[in-house]
Amino acid sequence: MLVAATILSSPLLAQSDSSQTLDPVVVTANKFEQKQSTTGKVITVISKREIEQSAGKSLPQLLNEQAGLTIAGGLNSLGTPLGVFTRGAGSGRTLILIDGIPVNDPSQIYNDFDLNLLPLDNIERIEICRGAQSTLYGSDAIGGVINILTVNKDVKEPFNAKASLLGGNYGSLKGNGQVYGRVKKLSYQAAYAKTYTEGFSSAHDETGNGHFDRDGFNGDAVNASLQYELTPRFTFRGFTRYSWYEADVDNGIFWDATDFTSDNKNLMAGGSFHYKTDGVSLTANYQYNDATRLLFNDSLDSPGTLGRDNYFGKTQFAELYANIKLTDQLSLLQGADFRHHTLHQKNLYVWPGGSAFSQVDSTASQASLYASLIYAGPDQQLNIELGGRLNVHSRFGSNYTYTFNP
């Protein structure tokens, strides 16, 4: 028995000794696929396995656990307004990408995207790039970039399906269903996610009376995408995503509100194409983003104030960039993008003895040119990036930034 155990354990020991940590491939750092160790940047990759092990959490909760990243409001009740802070940079200075395309909301005070709209269930991987990335991504990437990837590239079967259902305290319920597959040159994906909770009060009851009401959350998200491989070098992709949620909110840290709700809707749609040869990679992206927020505070019975705030924000984003391999160690990334933002806002307040109404309409656009020369040493010990960006803004004029990253 001892000899048999020794013989059986020998290959297991050999297999254990040969194990090693793989160097993950990332796309966030320089807009093209490369190994994490060659980027010269501080990047964390949250894998699909880690995401599945965090199924009971929300996306803000998971991000809040990463070093150098703070999601203000991420541990409050679902639906709480969030702020993303990377390495101390202010809110609105960490750019959110979905599948490599920036997402913004001009109806927000810092133009940042509401992470409450994204369920964790249908995310394949998250790449977090810390430090200034404004040369490649713009001024809203001063603190860093968070790239949320939803596309599963390893699909080979024509039909796959998966579903999950979770329940917990505070009357919490999470459900998710997804179908995806690949039929010859066509890949498809469709998913639906539901999140519901009775929640808890985000405001702190200093009196200890326990009369603060729970702040519930009821959210849904639907997304679908199609990708067609015209040739082994040329692929098209179209996508759409619609998310909406209703949440109860409080008036402040110590001020409860029983009739204060937030109703949020977001529609994203767009497409992209990718062309790749041995020496050149060309990518084009377009995305339309429509955001609607309604804050309604009916406190007249207190007596108090009735407040109704309507925000409508629209963003269009288009970009074209190419990565050219000059030598085995040297590559040139160059591109251009255009952003157009529109905001329509209405505010109505009524209180005993008076009322107030205001309306704001605003538009802004920006065109940018950028380039980056990247050197990767043959021994992967020295990596150098030298780049620059020119922004031409409709309101603030022309500005430029540059980077040197050895």
Protein backbone atom coordinates (compact mmCIF):
# COMPACT_ATOMS: atom_id res chain seq x y z
CA MET A 1 0.00 0.00 0.00
CA LEU A 2 2.88 2.36 0.80
CA VAL A 3 4.56 1.69 -2.57
CA ALA A 4 1.26 2.22 -4.43
CA ALA A 5 0.63 5.51 -2.64
CA THR A 6 4.14 6.69 -3.49
CA ILE A 7 3.72 5.83 -7.19
CA LEU A 8 0.33 7.57 -7.39
CA SER A 9 1.53 10.71 -5.63
CA SER A 10 4.63 11.19 -7.79
CA PRO A 11 2.84 12.64 -10.86
CA LEU A 12 0.71 14.81 -8.59
CA LEU A 13 3.82 16.31 -7.01
CA ALA A 14 5.37 16.85 -10.41
CA GLN A 15 2.22 18.59 -11.64
CA SER A 16 2.15 20.84 -8.57
CA ASP A 17 5.80 21.83 -9.02
CA SER A 18 5.19 22.86 -12.66
CA SER A 19 2.30 25.21 -11.88
CA GLN A 20 2.78 28.94 -12.48
CA THR A 21 0.83 32.17 -12.50
CA LEU A 22 -0.18 33.18 -16.02
CA ASP A 23 0.45 36.69 -17.29
CA PRO A 24 -3.06 37.89 -18.23
CA VAL A 25 -3.69 39.66 -21.52
CA VAL A 26 -5.24 43.12 -21.08
CA VAL A 27 -6.63 45.65 -23.54
CA THR A 28 -7.17 48.70 -21.34
CA ALA A 29 -3.64 50.07 -21.06
CA ASN A 30 -2.92 50.95 -24.70
CA LYS A 31 -6.13 50.04 -26.58
CA PHE A 32 -4.74 46.79 -27.98
CA GLU A 33 -4.18 43.33 -26.54
CA GLN A 34 -0.89 42.87 -24.72
CA LYS A 35 0.44 41.05 -21.70
CA GLN A 36 -0.04 42.85 -18.42
CA SER A 37 3.68 42.78 -17.61
CA THR A 38 4.55 44.72 -20.78
CA THR A 39 2.22 47.67 -20.26
CA GLY A 40 4.37 49.62 -17.81
CA LYS A 41 1.18 50.45 -15.91
CA VAL A 42 -0.47 49.35 -12.68
CA ILE A 43 -3.34 47.10 -13.75
CA THR A 44 -5.61 44.76 -11.80
CA VAL A 45 -7.69 42.15 -13.63
CA ILE A 46 -10.82 40.82 -11.91
CA SER A 47 -11.37 37.47 -13.58
CA LYS A 48 -14.63 35.71 -14.42
CA ARG A 49 -14.00 33.28 -11.56
CA GLU A 50 -13.65 36.09 -9.02
CA ILE A 51 -16.83 37.70 -10.34
CA GLU A 52 -18.76 34.42 -10.00
CA GLN A 53 -17.48 34.02 -6.43
CA SER A 54 -18.85 37.52 -5.70
CA ALA A 55 -22.35 36.77 -6.98
CA GLY A 56 -23.99 38.10 -3.82
CA LYS A 57 -22.42 41.52 -4.21
CA SER A 58 -23.12 44.49 -6.45
CA LEU A 59 -20.60 45.92 -8.92
CA PRO A 60 -19.82 48.94 -6.67
CA GLN A 61 -19.20 46.59 -3.73
CA LEU A 62 -16.76 44.48 -5.74
CA LEU A 63 -14.87 47.53 -7.04
CA ASN A 64 -14.71 48.95 -3.52
CA GLU A 65 -12.56 45.98 -2.49
CA GLN A 66 -9.77 46.83 -4.95
CA ALA A 67 -6.62 48.60 -3.77
CA GLY A 68 -6.45 52.31 -4.56
CA LEU A 69 -10.12 52.43 -5.54
CA THR A 70 -12.96 53.87 -3.45
CA ILE A 71 -16.64 53.83 -4.44
CA ALA A 72 -18.34 56.42 -2.24
CA GLY A 73 -21.78 55.05 -1.42
CA GLY A 74 -20.85 51.54 -2.59
CA LEU A 75 -21.66 50.03 0.82
CA ASN A 76 -24.89 51.98 1.29
CA SER A 77 -28.29 50.76 0.17
CA LEU A 78 -28.60 49.98 -3.55
CA GLY A 79 -29.49 53.00 -5.66
CA THR A 80 -27.40 55.43 -3.60
CA PRO A 81 -25.66 58.07 -5.78
CA LEU A 82 -22.07 56.89 -6.27
CA GLY A 83 -18.69 58.54 -6.63
CA VAL A 84 -15.63 56.75 -8.03
CA PHE A 85 -12.27 57.84 -6.60
CA THR A 86 -9.00 56.34 -7.86
CA ARG A 87 -5.83 57.16 -5.93
CA GLY A 88 -7.51 60.20 -4.43
CA ALA A 89 -8.52 61.78 -7.76
CA GLY A 90 -11.92 63.49 -7.60
CA SER A 91 -15.24 62.07 -8.72
CA GLY A 92 -15.62 62.18 -12.50
CA ARG A 93 -11.88 61.64 -13.01
CA THR A 94 -12.07 57.85 -13.37
CA LEU A 95 -13.34 56.85 -16.80
CA ILE A 96 -15.75 53.91 -17.10
CA LEU A 97 -15.52 51.82 -20.27
CA ILE A 98 -17.90 49.08 -21.37
CA ASP A 99 -16.14 46.76 -23.81
CA GLY A 100 -13.53 49.45 -24.45
CA ILE A 101 -16.00 52.27 -25.23
CA PRO A 102 -16.35 55.24 -22.82
CA VAL A 103 -19.73 55.73 -21.14
CA ASN A 104 -20.78 59.08 -19.70
CA ASP A 105 -23.92 60.71 -18.36
CA PRO A 106 -24.12 64.50 -18.90
CA SER A 107 -27.11 64.63 -16.55
CA GLN A 108 -24.74 63.86 -13.66
CA ILE A 109 -22.84 66.70 -12.03
CA TYR A 110 -19.44 65.21 -12.99
CA ASN A 111 -20.58 63.58 -16.25
CA ASP A 112 -19.82 60.17 -14.71
CA PHE A 113 -21.74 56.95 -15.37
CA ASP A 114 -24.10 55.48 -12.77
CA LEU A 115 -22.71 52.05 -11.82
CA ASN A 116 -26.06 51.10 -10.25
CA LEU A 117 -27.27 50.46 -13.80
CA LEU A 118 -24.83 47.58 -14.39
CA PRO A 119 -25.58 44.17 -12.81
CA LEU A 120 -22.58 42.05 -11.96
CA ASP A 121 -24.07 38.86 -13.43
CA ASN A 122 -23.28 39.41 -17.12
CA ILE A 123 -19.72 40.74 -16.76
CA GLU A 124 -16.91 38.53 -18.05
CA ARG A 125 -13.92 40.47 -16.72
CA ILE A 126 -12.94 43.86 -15.28
CA GLU A 127 -9.65 45.64 -15.94
CA ILE A 128 -8.63 48.46 -13.59
CA CYS A 129 -5.82 50.70 -14.80
CA ARG A 130 -4.61 53.11 -12.10
CA GLY A 131 -2.90 56.41 -12.74
CA ALA A 132 -3.31 59.08 -15.40
CA GLN A 133 -4.53 57.75 -18.76
CA SER A 134 -5.70 61.07 -20.21
CA THR A 135 -3.41 60.92 -23.27
CA LEU A 136 -5.32 57.98 -24.73
CA TYR A 137 -8.73 58.40 -23.08
CA GLY A 138 -9.25 62.11 -22.31
CA SER A 139 -9.40 64.33 -19.24
CA ASP A 140 -11.98 62.15 -17.47
CA ALA A 141 -9.25 59.48 -17.11
CA ILE A 142 -6.88 61.50 -14.90
CA GLY A 143 -7.34 59.09 -11.99
CA GLY A 144 -7.55 55.91 -14.03
CA VAL A 145 -9.72 53.70 -16.22
CA ILE A 146 -12.13 50.87 -15.37
CA ASN A 147 -12.89 48.66 -18.37
CA ILE A 148 -15.94 46.41 -17.88
CA LEU A 149 -15.88 43.59 -20.44
CA THR A 150 -19.09 41.72 -21.25
CA VAL A 151 -18.08 39.80 -24.39
CA ASN A 152 -17.20 36.12 -24.05
CA LYS A 153 -14.59 35.41 -26.71
CA ASP A 154 -14.19 31.69 -26.03
CA VAL A 155 -17.62 30.56 -27.26
CA LYS A 156 -17.52 27.63 -29.71
CA GLU A 157 -20.85 25.82 -29.28
CA PRO A 158 -23.93 27.02 -31.26
CA PHE A 159 -26.11 27.29 -28.14
CA ASN A 160 -25.34 27.83 -24.49
CA ALA A 161 -27.58 28.88 -21.62
CA LYS A 162 -27.09 29.66 -17.96
CA ALA A 163 -29.19 31.05 -15.15
CA SER A 164 -28.82 31.88 -11.48
CA LEU A 165 -31.10 32.82 -8.60
CA LEU A 166 -29.95 34.23 -5.26
CA GLY A 167 -31.86 35.28 -2.17
CA GLY A 168 -30.80 36.94 1.07
CA ASN A 169 -31.82 39.11 3.99
CA TYR A 170 -33.61 42.48 3.68
CA GLY A 171 -35.89 40.69 1.21
CA SER A 172 -33.11 40.61 -1.38
CA LEU A 173 -33.45 38.71 -4.65
CA LYS A 174 -31.14 38.46 -7.66
CA GLY A 175 -31.93 36.58 -10.84
CA ASN A 176 -30.10 36.24 -14.13
CA GLY A 177 -30.60 34.42 -17.42
CA GLN A 178 -28.31 34.34 -20.45
CA VAL A 179 -28.10 32.62 -23.84
CA TYR A 180 -25.09 32.81 -26.13
CA GLY A 181 -23.37 30.86 -28.88
CA ARG A 182 -21.52 30.81 -32.16
CA VAL A 183 -22.94 29.58 -35.48
CA LYS A 184 -20.21 29.52 -38.12
CA LYS A 185 -19.13 33.18 -38.44
CA LEU A 186 -21.90 34.62 -36.28
CA SER A 187 -21.66 35.03 -32.52
CA TYR A 188 -24.61 36.16 -30.41
CA GLN A 189 -25.39 36.95 -26.80
CA ALA A 190 -28.54 38.00 -24.92
CA ALA A 191 -29.08 38.41 -21.19
CA TYR A 192 -31.55 39.63 -18.59
CA ALA A 193 -30.85 40.44 -14.94
CA LYS A 194 -33.16 41.36 -12.07
CA THR A 195 -32.21 42.85 -8.68
CA TYR A 196 -34.68 43.55 -5.89
CA THR A 197 -34.29 44.36 -2.23
CA GLU A 198 -36.35 45.98 0.48
CA GLY A 199 -33.09 47.56 1.61
CA PHE A 200 -32.19 49.49 4.73
CA SER A 201 -32.06 53.16 5.64
CA SER A 202 -28.90 54.92 4.49
CA ALA A 203 -29.57 57.73 6.98
CA HIS A 204 -28.38 57.25 10.57
CA ASP A 205 -31.05 57.49 13.26
CA GLU A 206 -29.35 59.52 16.01
CA THR A 207 -32.47 59.46 18.20
CA GLY A 208 -32.54 55.67 18.28
CA ASN A 209 -36.30 55.56 17.78
CA GLY A 210 -35.91 53.19 14.83
CA HIS A 211 -38.56 54.94 12.77
CA PHE A 212 -36.42 55.42 9.66
CA ASP A 213 -37.93 53.56 6.73
CA ARG A 214 -36.09 51.09 4.51
CA ASP A 215 -34.73 52.31 1.18
CA GLY A 216 -35.64 49.67 -1.39
CA PHE A 217 -34.30 48.99 -4.88
CA ASN A 218 -35.93 47.41 -7.93
CA GLY A 219 -33.77 47.14 -11.05
CA ASP A 220 -33.75 45.36 -14.43
CA ALA A 221 -31.17 45.13 -17.19
CA VAL A 222 -31.38 43.69 -20.72
CA ASN A 223 -28.54 43.48 -23.22
CA ALA A 224 -27.88 41.82 -26.56
CA SER A 225 -25.05 41.74 -29.09
CA LEU A 226 -24.22 40.22 -32.46
CA GLN A 227 -20.76 39.78 -33.97
CA TYR A 228 -20.09 38.67 -37.53
CA GLU A 229 -16.71 37.58 -38.85
CA LEU A 230 -16.76 38.73 -42.45
CA THR A 231 -13.23 37.37 -42.96
CA PRO A 232 -10.64 36.05 -40.49
CA ARG A 233 -9.29 39.63 -40.40
CA PHE A 234 -12.50 41.66 -40.50
CA THR A 235 -15.27 41.57 -37.84
CA PHE A 236 -18.40 43.64 -37.19
CA ARG A 237 -20.26 43.96 -33.89
CA GLY A 238 -23.57 45.53 -32.94
CA PHE A 239 -24.92 45.87 -29.40
CA THR A 240 -27.71 47.36 -27.33
CA ARG A 241 -28.26 47.66 -23.58
CA TYR A 242 -31.26 48.95 -21.63
CA SER A 243 -31.20 49.33 -17.84
CA TRP A 244 -33.67 50.89 -15.43
CA TYR A 245 -34.21 50.99 -11.69
CA GLU A 246 -36.31 52.64 -9.01
CA ALA A 247 -34.83 53.36 -5.59
CA ASP A 248 -35.85 55.00 -2.34
CA VAL A 249 -33.39 57.62 -1.14
CA ASP A 250 -32.90 59.72 1.97
CA ASN A 251 -32.40 63.47 2.27
CA GLY A 252 -28.99 63.22 3.87
CA ILE A 253 -26.79 61.45 6.39
CA PHE A 254 -29.14 62.06 9.33
CA TRP A 255 -32.37 63.08 7.56
CA ASP A 256 -34.80 60.33 6.65
CA ALA A 257 -37.27 60.73 3.77
CA THR A 258 -40.33 58.52 3.38
CA ASP A 259 -41.52 59.86 0.01
CA PHE A 260 -38.25 60.47 -1.86
CA THR A 261 -37.65 58.26 -4.91
CA SER A 262 -35.19 58.06 -7.79
CA ASP A 263 -36.24 56.67 -11.18
CA ASN A 264 -33.37 56.00 -13.62
CA LYS A 265 -33.32 54.71 -17.19
CA ASN A 266 -30.40 54.24 -19.57
CA LEU A 267 -30.24 53.13 -23.21
CA MET A 268 -27.00 52.31 -25.01
CA ALA A 269 -26.69 51.21 -28.62
CA GLY A 270 -23.88 51.16 -31.11
CA GLY A 271 -21.49 49.17 -33.23
CA SER A 272 -17.86 48.62 -34.06
CA PHE A 273 -15.60 47.00 -36.61
CA HIS A 274 -12.12 45.59 -36.26
CA TYR A 275 -9.61 44.90 -39.04
CA LYS A 276 -6.30 43.21 -38.32
CA THR A 277 -3.28 42.19 -40.40
CA ASP A 278 0.15 41.06 -39.28
CA GLY A 279 1.36 44.65 -38.97
CA VAL A 280 -1.74 46.85 -38.62
CA SER A 281 -4.82 46.76 -36.39
CA LEU A 282 -7.69 49.17 -37.18
CA THR A 283 -10.68 49.73 -34.88
CA ALA A 284 -13.76 51.97 -35.17
CA ASN A 285 -16.43 52.45 -32.47
CA TYR A 286 -19.71 54.33 -32.26
CA GLN A 287 -22.08 54.54 -29.30
CA TYR A 288 -25.28 56.40 -28.51
CA ASN A 289 -26.14 56.81 -24.83
CA ASP A 290 -29.48 58.14 -23.54
CA ALA A 291 -29.96 58.71 -19.79
CA THR A 292 -33.10 59.81 -17.93
CA ARG A 293 -33.31 60.54 -14.20
CA LEU A 294 -36.31 61.62 -12.17
CA LEU A 295 -35.94 62.63 -8.51
CA PHE A 296 -39.29 63.06 -6.81
CA ASN A 297 -39.67 64.24 -3.21
CA ASP A 298 -43.27 64.47 -1.98
CA SER A 299 -42.95 65.83 1.55
CA LEU A 300 -45.86 68.29 1.57
CA ASP A 301 -47.62 66.32 4.28
CA SER A 302 -44.76 67.00 6.76
CA PRO A 303 -45.34 69.98 6.04
CA GLY A 304 -42.40 70.49 3.78
CA THR A 305 -41.49 70.76 0.13
CA LEU A 306 -42.50 69.00 -3.04
CA GLY A 307 -39.53 68.67 -5.37
CA ARG A 308 -39.39 67.24 -8.88
CA ASP A 309 -36.06 67.14 -10.77
CA ASN A 310 -35.98 65.83 -14.34
CA TYR A 311 -32.64 65.22 -16.07
CA PHE A 312 -32.24 64.11 -19.69
CA GLY A 313 -28.73 63.48 -20.95
CA LYS A 314 -27.59 62.26 -24.37
CA THR A 315 -24.08 61.36 -25.51
CA GLN A 316 -22.70 60.34 -28.87
CA PHE A 317 -19.19 58.94 -29.09
CA ALA A 318 -17.23 57.96 -32.20
CA GLU A 319 -13.60 56.99 -32.57
CA LEU A 320 -11.16 55.52 -35.07
CA TYR A 321 -7.70 54.34 -34.12
CA ALA A 322 -4.93 52.17 -35.53
CA ASN A 323 -2.04 50.31 -34.00
CA ILE A 324 0.90 49.95 -36.38
CA LYS A 325 3.70 47.52 -35.65
CA LEU A 326 6.86 49.32 -36.79
CA THR A 327 9.37 46.72 -35.53
CA ASP A 328 9.32 43.73 -33.20
CA GLN A 329 9.77 46.09 -30.24
CA LEU A 330 8.23 49.35 -31.49
CA SER A 331 4.58 50.14 -32.22
CA LEU A 332 2.64 53.34 -32.96
CA LEU A 333 -0.91 53.92 -31.79
CA GLN A 334 -2.75 56.85 -33.35
CA GLY A 335 -6.38 57.82 -33.41
CA ALA A 336 -9.16 60.39 -33.22
CA ASP A 337 -12.44 60.61 -31.36
CA PHE A 338 -15.48 62.88 -31.21
CA ARG A 339 -17.90 63.40 -28.30
CA HIS A 340 -21.15 65.30 -28.24
CA HIS A 341 -23.14 65.88 -25.03
CA THR A 342 -26.64 67.28 -24.57
CA LEU A 343 -28.37 68.10 -21.28
CA HIS A 344 -32.00 69.07 -20.71
CA GLN A 345 -32.99 69.76 -17.11
CA LYS A 346 -36.22 70.83 -15.37
CA ASN A 347 -36.56 71.58 -11.66
CA LEU A 348 -39.83 72.29 -9.82
CA TYR A 349 -40.17 73.02 -6.09
CA VAL A 350 -43.42 73.75 -4.25
CA TRP A 351 -43.74 74.63 -0.56
CA PRO A 352 -46.46 76.21 1.58
CA GLY A 353 -46.69 79.78 0.36
CA GLY A 354 -44.51 79.58 -2.75
CA SER A 355 -42.94 77.72 -5.67
CA ALA A 356 -39.93 77.84 -7.99
CA PHE A 357 -39.23 76.50 -11.47
CA SER A 358 -36.03 76.41 -13.52
CA GLN A 359 -34.95 74.93 -16.83
CA VAL A 360 -31.49 74.36 -18.34
CA ASP A 361 -30.51 73.33 -21.87
CA SER A 362 -26.86 72.82 -22.67
CA THR A 363 -24.69 71.19 -25.36
CA ALA A 364 -20.97 70.62 -25.68
CA SER A 365 -18.71 68.76 -28.08
CA GLN A 366 -15.07 67.83 -28.28
CA ALA A 367 -12.81 66.51 -31.04
CA SER A 368 -9.48 64.91 -30.17
CA LEU A 369 -6.34 63.61 -31.85
CA TYR A 370 -3.89 61.38 -30.02
CA ALA A 371 -0.80 59.28 -30.67
CA SER A 372 1.43 57.04 -28.60
CA LEU A 373 4.80 55.47 -29.42
CA ILE A 374 5.34 52.28 -27.42
CA TYR A 375 8.62 50.41 -26.97
CA ALA A 376 8.66 46.90 -25.48
CA GLY A 377 12.13 45.51 -24.80
CA PRO A 378 12.95 41.98 -25.98
CA ASP A 379 13.54 40.83 -22.39
CA GLN A 380 10.33 42.54 -21.16
CA GLN A 381 12.37 44.42 -18.57
CA LEU A 382 12.12 47.87 -20.18
CA ASN A 383 8.89 49.32 -21.56
CA ILE A 384 8.58 52.95 -22.64
CA GLU A 385 5.55 54.94 -23.75
CA LEU A 386 5.69 58.44 -25.23
CA GLY A 387 2.44 60.07 -26.31
CA GLY A 388 0.41 63.23 -26.75
CA ARG A 389 -3.19 64.35 -27.17
CA LEU A 390 -4.88 67.46 -28.55
CA ASN A 391 -8.44 68.34 -27.47
CA VAL A 392 -10.57 70.95 -29.23
CA HIS A 393 -13.57 71.71 -27.03
CA SER A 394 -16.58 73.77 -28.11
CA ARG A 395 -16.55 75.72 -24.84
CA PHE A 396 -13.01 75.58 -23.44
CA GLY A 397 -10.97 75.81 -26.65
CA SER A 398 -7.84 73.82 -27.43
CA ASN A 399 -5.80 71.99 -24.81
CA TYR A 400 -3.15 69.30 -24.97
CA THR A 401 -1.58 66.71 -22.70
CA TYR A 402 1.36 64.38 -23.03
CA THR A 403 2.81 61.34 -21.29
CA PHE A 404 6.24 59.80 -20.82
CA ASN A 405 6.11 56.46 -19.05
CA PRO A 406 9.34 54.47 -18.71
